[in-house]
Amino acid sequence: MQHMIVYLNGDYVDIHDAVISPLDRGFLFGDSVYEVIPVYQNQLFAEKEHLDRLTHSLAAINIPQPLDHAEWVNIFNQLLSYPHEGDRMIYVQVTRGAYAERLHASPAAIVPTIFVAALPVTKKDVSQGIRAITVNDIRWNLCRIKATTLLANVLAKDAAQRLDTHDAIFIREGFALEGTASNLFVVKNNHVFTPPLSANILPGITRQLVIDLLRQQDIMITERMIAATELVDADEIWLTGSVSEIVPVIMLDQRPISHGNVGIFYKKATEWYKNNLEKHYA
């Protein structure tokens, strides 16, 4: 990785000099949460919503919020002020901290580890669609928490790549939930559907923005469970994420979705999304 300045526990240091204890609970147990904030024109996008979600994730695993909103934004803006090339995103990770012993139980007195970086982003052209597979959901039952314990997601992504596809959609008890790092939308007969928020689905910031944009345009959008069997006959399938934005799936489990063509609703939703960004930064 190229040289860059990152924030670690109150200091701004070169990423090659950023060091944590091997006894940090985030390293040992994945006892930590994270957040990703998109950056456009070197400005934060929807930082309040992302920081609110970070607060909820921290509270869910009983880590007190270590900084207030203004303190977080000051760190982000400082990192964004350093010279850079290309697009970036803000990555935040908060672990429970390091302790002198390897204990499963959380020590009473421990200081969280805070890591923040403005990481480079390589944007790929997905306008012609991607290929995906479905996989059995072996994740834990608290996927609404943006935790760093992502082994199941990594294995699903690896499985997709071994089949020369781009992503995977999790299936649990016969229902499609979300992608490895994205929320799921399905279009059928001019009606858009997305699974409702639950313990097994991350409350995506982009997901909610897309729902709001569709409703503003009087597009029928319903939050309901989506049977895995519905994916085969869908007119369109999208995956949404803070950095990836809206991604159309044109091939699923080696079968074309709507003859393998990008759908009109995806094109409209992407146009409305881009217009919203332009108004935000006008």
C-alpha atoms as a PDB file:
ATOM      1  CA  MET A   1       0.000   0.000   0.000  1.00  0.00           C
ATOM      2  CA  GLN A   2       1.210   3.480  -0.819  1.00  0.00           C
ATOM      3  CA  HIS A   3       2.298   5.779   1.968  1.00  0.00           C
ATOM      4  CA  MET A   4      -0.628   7.517   3.629  1.00  0.00           C
ATOM      5  CA  ILE A   5      -1.384   9.158   6.936  1.00  0.00           C
ATOM      6  CA  VAL A   6      -3.888   7.384   9.159  1.00  0.00           C
ATOM      7  CA  TYR A   7      -5.385   8.068  12.578  1.00  0.00           C
ATOM      8  CA  LEU A   8      -4.626   5.623  15.390  1.00  0.00           C
ATOM      9  CA  ASN A   9      -5.571   6.289  19.014  1.00  0.00           C
ATOM     10  CA  GLY A  10      -5.135  10.044  18.914  1.00  0.00           C
ATOM     11  CA  ASP A  11      -2.130  10.235  16.582  1.00  0.00           C
ATOM     12  CA  TYR A  12      -1.747  10.830  12.852  1.00  0.00           C
ATOM     13  CA  VAL A  13       0.965   8.469  11.584  1.00  0.00           C
ATOM     14  CA  ASP A  14       2.149   6.889   8.364  1.00  0.00           C
ATOM     15  CA  ILE A  15       0.222   3.680   7.769  1.00  0.00           C
ATOM     16  CA  HIS A  16       3.482   1.690   7.859  1.00  0.00           C
ATOM     17  CA  ASP A  17       4.090   2.995  11.377  1.00  0.00           C
ATOM     18  CA  ALA A  18       0.568   2.295  12.647  1.00  0.00           C
ATOM     19  CA  VAL A  19       0.937  -0.529  15.176  1.00  0.00           C
ATOM     20  CA  ILE A  20      -1.540  -2.228  17.503  1.00  0.00           C
ATOM     21  CA  SER A  21      -0.916  -4.772  20.244  1.00  0.00           C
ATOM     22  CA  PRO A  22      -1.197  -8.444  19.235  1.00  0.00           C
ATOM     23  CA  LEU A  23      -3.408  -8.732  22.320  1.00  0.00           C
ATOM     24  CA  ASP A  24      -5.929  -6.266  20.865  1.00  0.00           C
ATOM     25  CA  ARG A  25      -9.349  -7.917  21.088  1.00  0.00           C
ATOM     26  CA  GLY A  26     -10.188  -6.878  17.553  1.00  0.00           C
ATOM     27  CA  PHE A  27      -7.198  -8.910  16.348  1.00  0.00           C
ATOM     28  CA  LEU A  28      -7.743 -11.846  18.703  1.00  0.00           C
ATOM     29  CA  PHE A  29     -11.518 -12.209  18.601  1.00  0.00           C
ATOM     30  CA  GLY A  30     -12.922  -9.873  15.952  1.00  0.00           C
ATOM     31  CA  ASP A  31     -14.288  -7.985  18.966  1.00  0.00           C
ATOM     32  CA  SER A  32     -14.829  -4.781  17.007  1.00  0.00           C
ATOM     33  CA  VAL A  33     -17.083  -2.879  14.644  1.00  0.00           C
ATOM     34  CA  TYR A  34     -16.409  -0.797  11.571  1.00  0.00           C
ATOM     35  CA  GLU A  35     -17.969   1.770   9.288  1.00  0.00           C
ATOM     36  CA  VAL A  36     -17.365   2.927   5.722  1.00  0.00           C
ATOM     37  CA  ILE A  37     -18.260   6.442   4.583  1.00  0.00           C
ATOM     38  CA  PRO A  38     -18.188   7.341   0.874  1.00  0.00           C
ATOM     39  CA  VAL A  39     -16.312  10.435  -0.247  1.00  0.00           C
ATOM     40  CA  TYR A  40     -17.286  12.481  -3.302  1.00  0.00           C
ATOM     41  CA  GLN A  41     -15.296  15.468  -4.515  1.00  0.00           C
ATOM     42  CA  ASN A  42     -13.220  15.036  -1.361  1.00  0.00           C
ATOM     43  CA  GLN A  43     -16.321  15.569   0.791  1.00  0.00           C
ATOM     44  CA  LEU A  44     -18.058  13.165   3.138  1.00  0.00           C
ATOM     45  CA  PHE A  45     -21.421  11.783   2.066  1.00  0.00           C
ATOM     46  CA  ALA A  46     -24.157  11.005   4.604  1.00  0.00           C
ATOM     47  CA  GLU A  47     -21.671  11.042   7.472  1.00  0.00           C
ATOM     48  CA  LYS A  48     -24.435  11.535  10.067  1.00  0.00           C
ATOM     49  CA  GLU A  49     -26.258   8.385   8.971  1.00  0.00           C
ATOM     50  CA  HIS A  50     -23.021   6.386   8.941  1.00  0.00           C
ATOM     51  CA  LEU A  51     -21.941   7.690  12.341  1.00  0.00           C
ATOM     52  CA  ASP A  52     -25.393   6.947  13.748  1.00  0.00           C
ATOM     53  CA  ARG A  53     -25.018   3.372  12.511  1.00  0.00           C
ATOM     54  CA  LEU A  54     -21.553   3.196  14.073  1.00  0.00           C
ATOM     55  CA  THR A  55     -23.077   4.289  17.395  1.00  0.00           C
ATOM     56  CA  HIS A  56     -25.741   1.556  17.132  1.00  0.00           C
ATOM     57  CA  SER A  57     -23.097  -1.080  16.321  1.00  0.00           C
ATOM     58  CA  LEU A  58     -20.957  -0.007  19.279  1.00  0.00           C
ATOM     59  CA  ALA A  59     -23.928  -0.049  21.631  1.00  0.00           C
ATOM     60  CA  ALA A  60     -24.939  -3.509  20.399  1.00  0.00           C
ATOM     61  CA  ILE A  61     -21.599  -4.967  21.553  1.00  0.00           C
ATOM     62  CA  ASN A  62     -21.371  -2.774  24.661  1.00  0.00           C
ATOM     63  CA  ILE A  63     -18.550  -0.449  23.629  1.00  0.00           C
ATOM     64  CA  PRO A  64     -19.208   3.186  24.635  1.00  0.00           C
ATOM     65  CA  GLN A  65     -19.037   5.691  21.767  1.00  0.00           C
ATOM     66  CA  PRO A  66     -15.483   7.060  22.197  1.00  0.00           C
ATOM     67  CA  LEU A  67     -15.956  10.316  20.240  1.00  0.00           C
ATOM     68  CA  ASP A  68     -18.774  12.691  19.443  1.00  0.00           C
ATOM     69  CA  HIS A  69     -19.929  13.586  15.936  1.00  0.00           C
ATOM     70  CA  ALA A  70     -17.765  16.709  15.644  1.00  0.00           C
ATOM     71  CA  GLU A  71     -14.661  14.869  16.822  1.00  0.00           C
ATOM     72  CA  TRP A  72     -15.169  12.129  14.258  1.00  0.00           C
ATOM     73  CA  VAL A  73     -15.707  14.625  11.438  1.00  0.00           C
ATOM     74  CA  ASN A  74     -12.601  16.556  12.431  1.00  0.00           C
ATOM     75  CA  ILE A  75     -10.551  13.367  12.082  1.00  0.00           C
ATOM     76  CA  PHE A  76     -12.127  12.560   8.721  1.00  0.00           C
ATOM     77  CA  ASN A  77     -11.508  16.038   7.334  1.00  0.00           C
ATOM     78  CA  GLN A  78      -7.919  16.020   8.559  1.00  0.00           C
ATOM     79  CA  LEU A  79      -7.269  12.767   6.721  1.00  0.00           C
ATOM     80  CA  LEU A  80      -8.974  14.079   3.599  1.00  0.00           C
ATOM     81  CA  SER A  81      -6.737  17.156   3.665  1.00  0.00           C
ATOM     82  CA  TYR A  82      -3.618  15.118   2.891  1.00  0.00           C
ATOM     83  CA  PRO A  83      -2.494  14.873  -0.767  1.00  0.00           C
ATOM     84  CA  HIS A  84      -3.953  11.937  -2.646  1.00  0.00           C
ATOM     85  CA  GLU A  85      -4.703  10.557  -6.087  1.00  0.00           C
ATOM     86  CA  GLY A  86      -8.014   9.052  -7.144  1.00  0.00           C
ATOM     87  CA  ASP A  87     -11.177   8.264  -5.200  1.00  0.00           C
ATOM     88  CA  ARG A  88     -11.207   7.465  -1.491  1.00  0.00           C
ATOM     89  CA  MET A  89     -13.480   6.297   1.297  1.00  0.00           C
ATOM     90  CA  ILE A  90     -13.302   6.784   5.040  1.00  0.00           C
ATOM     91  CA  TYR A  91     -12.795   3.532   6.936  1.00  0.00           C
ATOM     92  CA  VAL A  92     -13.403   3.499  10.706  1.00  0.00           C
ATOM     93  CA  GLN A  93     -12.726   0.592  13.051  1.00  0.00           C
ATOM     94  CA  VAL A  94     -13.239   0.570  16.809  1.00  0.00           C
ATOM     95  CA  THR A  95     -12.111  -2.457  18.825  1.00  0.00           C
ATOM     96  CA  ARG A  96     -12.737  -3.130  22.486  1.00  0.00           C
ATOM     97  CA  GLY A  97      -9.011  -2.550  22.977  1.00  0.00           C
ATOM     98  CA  ALA A  98      -5.947  -4.439  24.190  1.00  0.00           C
ATOM     99  CA  TYR A  99      -5.624  -6.202  27.524  1.00  0.00           C
ATOM    100  CA  ALA A 100      -2.715  -7.934  29.246  1.00  0.00           C
ATOM    101  CA  GLU A 101      -4.334 -11.362  28.971  1.00  0.00           C
ATOM    102  CA  ARG A 102      -6.216 -13.302  26.325  1.00  0.00           C
ATOM    103  CA  LEU A 103      -9.631 -13.544  27.973  1.00  0.00           C
ATOM    104  CA  HIS A 104     -12.936 -14.284  26.287  1.00  0.00           C
ATOM    105  CA  ALA A 105     -14.806 -12.281  28.900  1.00  0.00           C
ATOM    106  CA  SER A 106     -14.502  -8.526  28.448  1.00  0.00           C
ATOM    107  CA  PRO A 107     -12.267  -6.852  31.027  1.00  0.00           C
ATOM    108  CA  ALA A 108     -13.996  -4.137  33.042  1.00  0.00           C
ATOM    109  CA  ALA A 109     -11.377  -1.435  32.469  1.00  0.00           C
ATOM    110  CA  ILE A 110     -10.158  -1.275  28.877  1.00  0.00           C
ATOM    111  CA  VAL A 111      -9.618   1.570  26.405  1.00  0.00           C
ATOM    112  CA  PRO A 112     -11.002   1.108  22.869  1.00  0.00           C
ATOM    113  CA  THR A 113      -8.647   1.112  19.905  1.00  0.00           C
ATOM    114  CA  ILE A 114      -9.650   3.646  17.243  1.00  0.00           C
ATOM    115  CA  PHE A 115      -8.363   3.384  13.681  1.00  0.00           C
ATOM    116  CA  VAL A 116      -9.409   5.679  10.831  1.00  0.00           C
ATOM    117  CA  ALA A 117      -8.056   5.865   7.279  1.00  0.00           C
ATOM    118  CA  ALA A 118      -8.955   7.523   3.995  1.00  0.00           C
ATOM    119  CA  LEU A 119      -8.493   4.420   1.870  1.00  0.00           C
ATOM    120  CA  PRO A 120      -8.187   4.425  -1.917  1.00  0.00           C
ATOM    121  CA  VAL A 121     -11.161   3.197  -3.923  1.00  0.00           C
ATOM    122  CA  THR A 122     -10.983   1.630  -7.358  1.00  0.00           C
ATOM    123  CA  LYS A 123     -14.321   2.202  -9.069  1.00  0.00           C
ATOM    124  CA  LYS A 124     -15.274  -0.499 -11.553  1.00  0.00           C
ATOM    125  CA  ASP A 125     -17.706  -0.023 -14.405  1.00  0.00           C
ATOM    126  CA  VAL A 126     -20.700  -2.195 -13.485  1.00  0.00           C
ATOM    127  CA  SER A 127     -23.174  -0.513 -15.830  1.00  0.00           C
ATOM    128  CA  GLN A 128     -23.343  -3.667 -17.971  1.00  0.00           C
ATOM    129  CA  GLY A 129     -24.074  -5.846 -14.942  1.00  0.00           C
ATOM    130  CA  ILE A 130     -22.279  -8.496 -12.916  1.00  0.00           C
ATOM    131  CA  ARG A 131     -22.512 -12.253 -12.435  1.00  0.00           C
ATOM    132  CA  ALA A 132     -23.401 -13.669  -9.019  1.00  0.00           C
ATOM    133  CA  ILE A 133     -24.120 -16.925  -7.242  1.00  0.00           C
ATOM    134  CA  THR A 134     -26.339 -17.887  -4.322  1.00  0.00           C
ATOM    135  CA  VAL A 135     -24.815 -19.413  -1.194  1.00  0.00           C
ATOM    136  CA  ASN A 136     -26.142 -20.852   2.033  1.00  0.00           C
ATOM    137  CA  ASP A 137     -26.054 -18.203   4.757  1.00  0.00           C
ATOM    138  CA  ILE A 138     -23.715 -19.463   7.482  1.00  0.00           C
ATOM    139  CA  ARG A 139     -23.283 -16.056   9.156  1.00  0.00           C
ATOM    140  CA  TRP A 140     -24.187 -15.378  12.775  1.00  0.00           C
ATOM    141  CA  ASN A 141     -27.620 -14.075  13.749  1.00  0.00           C
ATOM    142  CA  LEU A 142     -26.667 -10.442  14.372  1.00  0.00           C
ATOM    143  CA  CYS A 143     -25.832  -9.256  10.865  1.00  0.00           C
ATOM    144  CA  ARG A 144     -27.493  -5.923  11.644  1.00  0.00           C
ATOM    145  CA  ILE A 145     -24.295  -5.094  13.567  1.00  0.00           C
ATOM    146  CA  LYS A 146     -21.507  -3.901  11.291  1.00  0.00           C
ATOM    147  CA  ALA A 147     -18.952  -6.129  12.997  1.00  0.00           C
ATOM    148  CA  THR A 148     -15.518  -7.039  11.650  1.00  0.00           C
ATOM    149  CA  THR A 149     -16.245 -10.757  12.062  1.00  0.00           C
ATOM    150  CA  LEU A 150     -16.688 -11.234   8.302  1.00  0.00           C
ATOM    151  CA  LEU A 151     -15.250 -14.692   7.696  1.00  0.00           C
ATOM    152  CA  ALA A 152     -18.509 -16.051   6.237  1.00  0.00           C
ATOM    153  CA  ASN A 153     -18.683 -13.054   3.885  1.00  0.00           C
ATOM    154  CA  VAL A 154     -15.074 -13.604   2.820  1.00  0.00           C
ATOM    155  CA  LEU A 155     -15.695 -17.294   2.126  1.00  0.00           C
ATOM    156  CA  ALA A 156     -18.801 -16.473   0.080  1.00  0.00           C
ATOM    157  CA  LYS A 157     -16.907 -13.870  -1.952  1.00  0.00           C
ATOM    158  CA  ASP A 158     -14.077 -16.343  -2.532  1.00  0.00           C
ATOM    159  CA  ALA A 159     -16.579 -18.976  -3.678  1.00  0.00           C
ATOM    160  CA  ALA A 160     -17.989 -16.497  -6.179  1.00  0.00           C
ATOM    161  CA  GLN A 161     -14.549 -15.635  -7.539  1.00  0.00           C
ATOM    162  CA  ARG A 162     -13.615 -19.309  -7.943  1.00  0.00           C
ATOM    163  CA  LEU A 163     -16.625 -19.617 -10.262  1.00  0.00           C
ATOM    164  CA  ASP A 164     -15.521 -16.544 -12.222  1.00  0.00           C
ATOM    165  CA  THR A 165     -18.390 -14.469 -10.842  1.00  0.00           C
ATOM    166  CA  HIS A 166     -18.367 -11.215  -8.913  1.00  0.00           C
ATOM    167  CA  ASP A 167     -20.492 -11.682  -5.802  1.00  0.00           C
ATOM    168  CA  ALA A 168     -22.763 -13.946  -3.792  1.00  0.00           C
ATOM    169  CA  ILE A 169     -26.280 -13.583  -2.407  1.00  0.00           C
ATOM    170  CA  PHE A 170     -26.991 -15.194   0.956  1.00  0.00           C
ATOM    171  CA  ILE A 171     -29.933 -17.606   1.215  1.00  0.00           C
ATOM    172  CA  ARG A 172     -31.338 -18.551   4.630  1.00  0.00           C
ATOM    173  CA  GLU A 173     -34.290 -20.884   5.180  1.00  0.00           C
ATOM    174  CA  GLY A 174     -35.409 -20.401   1.582  1.00  0.00           C
ATOM    175  CA  PHE A 175     -35.219 -16.594   1.544  1.00  0.00           C
ATOM    176  CA  ALA A 176     -32.736 -14.277  -0.164  1.00  0.00           C
ATOM    177  CA  LEU A 177     -31.268 -11.742   2.259  1.00  0.00           C
ATOM    178  CA  GLU A 178     -28.354  -9.673   0.924  1.00  0.00           C
ATOM    179  CA  GLY A 179     -24.992  -9.766  -0.820  1.00  0.00           C
ATOM    180  CA  THR A 180     -21.573 -10.226   0.778  1.00  0.00           C
ATOM    181  CA  ALA A 181     -21.284  -6.463   1.300  1.00  0.00           C
ATOM    182  CA  SER A 182     -24.546  -5.113  -0.052  1.00  0.00           C
ATOM    183  CA  ASN A 183     -28.314  -5.013   0.249  1.00  0.00           C
ATOM    184  CA  LEU A 184     -30.654  -6.742  -2.185  1.00  0.00           C
ATOM    185  CA  PHE A 185     -33.363  -5.344  -4.469  1.00  0.00           C
ATOM    186  CA  VAL A 186     -35.560  -7.303  -6.877  1.00  0.00           C
ATOM    187  CA  VAL A 187     -37.825  -5.921  -9.617  1.00  0.00           C
ATOM    188  CA  LYS A 188     -40.845  -7.847 -10.881  1.00  0.00           C
ATOM    189  CA  ASN A 189     -43.741  -6.522 -12.979  1.00  0.00           C
ATOM    190  CA  ASN A 190     -42.762  -2.853 -12.437  1.00  0.00           C
ATOM    191  CA  HIS A 191     -42.670  -3.360  -8.663  1.00  0.00           C
ATOM    192  CA  VAL A 192     -39.470  -3.146  -6.593  1.00  0.00           C
ATOM    193  CA  PHE A 193     -38.965  -5.345  -3.542  1.00  0.00           C
ATOM    194  CA  THR A 194     -36.288  -5.438  -0.853  1.00  0.00           C
ATOM    195  CA  PRO A 195     -36.071  -7.602   2.270  1.00  0.00           C
ATOM    196  CA  PRO A 196     -37.198  -5.818   5.459  1.00  0.00           C
ATOM    197  CA  LEU A 197     -34.624  -4.953   8.081  1.00  0.00           C
ATOM    198  CA  SER A 198     -34.048  -7.707  10.606  1.00  0.00           C
ATOM    199  CA  ALA A 199     -31.289  -9.189  12.727  1.00  0.00           C
ATOM    200  CA  ASN A 200     -29.993 -10.918   9.591  1.00  0.00           C
ATOM    201  CA  ILE A 201     -29.779  -7.809   7.390  1.00  0.00           C
ATOM    202  CA  LEU A 202     -27.486  -4.808   7.677  1.00  0.00           C
ATOM    203  CA  PRO A 203     -29.384  -1.478   7.704  1.00  0.00           C
ATOM    204  CA  GLY A 204     -27.680  -0.105   4.608  1.00  0.00           C
ATOM    205  CA  ILE A 205     -27.435   3.660   4.228  1.00  0.00           C
ATOM    206  CA  THR A 206     -27.548   3.361   0.436  1.00  0.00           C
ATOM    207  CA  ARG A 207     -30.442   0.912   0.752  1.00  0.00           C
ATOM    208  CA  GLN A 208     -32.532   3.524   2.560  1.00  0.00           C
ATOM    209  CA  LEU A 209     -31.510   6.266   0.137  1.00  0.00           C
ATOM    210  CA  VAL A 210     -32.565   4.141  -2.837  1.00  0.00           C
ATOM    211  CA  ILE A 211     -35.917   3.374  -1.163  1.00  0.00           C
ATOM    212  CA  ASP A 212     -36.487   7.096  -0.563  1.00  0.00           C
ATOM    213  CA  LEU A 213     -35.553   8.009  -4.141  1.00  0.00           C
ATOM    214  CA  LEU A 214     -37.901   5.386  -5.589  1.00  0.00           C
ATOM    215  CA  ARG A 215     -40.770   6.619  -3.434  1.00  0.00           C
ATOM    216  CA  GLN A 216     -40.104  10.205  -4.488  1.00  0.00           C
ATOM    217  CA  GLN A 217     -40.526   9.049  -8.093  1.00  0.00           C
ATOM    218  CA  ASP A 218     -43.762   7.182  -7.257  1.00  0.00           C
ATOM    219  CA  ILE A 219     -42.191   3.805  -7.988  1.00  0.00           C
ATOM    220  CA  MET A 220     -43.879   0.925  -6.160  1.00  0.00           C
ATOM    221  CA  ILE A 221     -41.407  -0.265  -3.535  1.00  0.00           C
ATOM    222  CA  THR A 222     -42.281  -2.862  -0.915  1.00  0.00           C
ATOM    223  CA  GLU A 223     -40.180  -4.212   1.935  1.00  0.00           C
ATOM    224  CA  ARG A 224     -40.960  -7.911   2.286  1.00  0.00           C
ATOM    225  CA  MET A 225     -39.245 -11.279   2.435  1.00  0.00           C
ATOM    226  CA  ILE A 226     -38.050 -12.493  -0.962  1.00  0.00           C
ATOM    227  CA  ALA A 227     -38.127 -16.226  -1.618  1.00  0.00           C
ATOM    228  CA  ALA A 228     -34.984 -17.570  -3.236  1.00  0.00           C
ATOM    229  CA  THR A 229     -37.168 -19.027  -5.988  1.00  0.00           C
ATOM    230  CA  GLU A 230     -38.255 -15.499  -6.942  1.00  0.00           C
ATOM    231  CA  LEU A 231     -34.729 -14.586  -7.988  1.00  0.00           C
ATOM    232  CA  VAL A 232     -34.848 -16.908 -11.001  1.00  0.00           C
ATOM    233  CA  ASP A 233     -37.868 -15.149 -12.502  1.00  0.00           C
ATOM    234  CA  ALA A 234     -36.950 -11.602 -11.466  1.00  0.00           C
ATOM    235  CA  ASP A 235     -37.014  -8.869 -14.089  1.00  0.00           C
ATOM    236  CA  GLU A 236     -34.064  -7.202 -12.383  1.00  0.00           C
ATOM    237  CA  ILE A 237     -31.769  -7.787  -9.398  1.00  0.00           C
ATOM    238  CA  TRP A 238     -29.645  -5.042  -7.797  1.00  0.00           C
ATOM    239  CA  LEU A 239     -27.097  -4.955  -5.016  1.00  0.00           C
ATOM    240  CA  THR A 240     -26.510  -1.654  -3.215  1.00  0.00           C
ATOM    241  CA  GLY A 241     -23.661  -0.405  -1.046  1.00  0.00           C
ATOM    242  CA  SER A 242     -22.088   2.824   0.135  1.00  0.00           C
ATOM    243  CA  VAL A 243     -19.071   2.563  -2.179  1.00  0.00           C
ATOM    244  CA  SER A 244     -20.467   0.330  -4.927  1.00  0.00           C
ATOM    245  CA  GLU A 245     -23.735   2.358  -5.100  1.00  0.00           C
ATOM    246  CA  ILE A 246     -26.224   0.389  -7.283  1.00  0.00           C
ATOM    247  CA  VAL A 247     -25.014  -2.744  -9.063  1.00  0.00           C
ATOM    248  CA  PRO A 248     -27.190  -4.751 -11.498  1.00  0.00           C
ATOM    249  CA  VAL A 249     -26.957  -8.560 -11.471  1.00  0.00           C
ATOM    250  CA  ILE A 250     -27.532  -9.964 -14.958  1.00  0.00           C
ATOM    251  CA  MET A 251     -26.472 -13.568 -14.350  1.00  0.00           C
ATOM    252  CA  LEU A 252     -27.274 -15.642 -11.239  1.00  0.00           C
ATOM    253  CA  ASP A 253     -26.055 -19.196 -10.733  1.00  0.00           C
ATOM    254  CA  GLN A 254     -25.137 -19.301 -14.431  1.00  0.00           C
ATOM    255  CA  ARG A 255     -28.683 -18.373 -15.474  1.00  0.00           C
ATOM    256  CA  PRO A 256     -29.449 -15.011 -17.125  1.00  0.00           C
ATOM    257  CA  ILE A 257     -31.708 -12.527 -15.383  1.00  0.00           C
ATOM    258  CA  SER A 258     -34.143 -11.064 -17.907  1.00  0.00           C
ATOM    259  CA  HIS A 259     -32.115 -12.412 -20.860  1.00  0.00           C
ATOM    260  CA  GLY A 260     -28.905 -11.075 -19.350  1.00  0.00           C
ATOM    261  CA  ASN A 261     -29.716  -7.431 -19.981  1.00  0.00           C
ATOM    262  CA  VAL A 262     -29.511  -4.451 -17.639  1.00  0.00           C
ATOM    263  CA  GLY A 263     -33.039  -3.338 -16.769  1.00  0.00           C
ATOM    264  CA  ILE A 264     -34.755   0.005 -17.225  1.00  0.00           C
ATOM    265  CA  PHE A 265     -35.465   0.377 -13.503  1.00  0.00           C
ATOM    266  CA  TYR A 266     -31.765   0.031 -12.729  1.00  0.00           C
ATOM    267  CA  LYS A 267     -30.982   2.733 -15.285  1.00  0.00           C
ATOM    268  CA  LYS A 268     -33.597   5.050 -13.788  1.00  0.00           C
ATOM    269  CA  ALA A 269     -32.543   4.384 -10.204  1.00  0.00           C
ATOM    270  CA  THR A 270     -28.891   5.043 -11.067  1.00  0.00           C
ATOM    271  CA  GLU A 271     -29.822   8.301 -12.800  1.00  0.00           C
ATOM    272  CA  TRP A 272     -31.824   9.462  -9.772  1.00  0.00           C
ATOM    273  CA  TYR A 273     -28.972   8.442  -7.466  1.00  0.00           C
ATOM    274  CA  LYS A 274     -26.403  10.391  -9.493  1.00  0.00           C
ATOM    275  CA  ASN A 275     -28.721  13.412  -9.667  1.00  0.00           C
ATOM    276  CA  ASN A 276     -29.106  13.297  -5.894  1.00  0.00           C
ATOM    277  CA  LEU A 277     -25.325  13.330  -5.478  1.00  0.00           C
ATOM    278  CA  GLU A 278     -24.954  16.255  -7.865  1.00  0.00           C
ATOM    279  CA  LYS A 279     -27.557  18.266  -5.950  1.00  0.00           C
ATOM    280  CA  HIS A 280     -25.855  17.390  -2.681  1.00  0.00           C
ATOM    281  CA  TYR A 281     -22.526  18.798  -3.858  1.00  0.00           C
ATOM    282  CA  ALA A 282     -23.807  21.606  -6.099  1.00  0.00           C
END
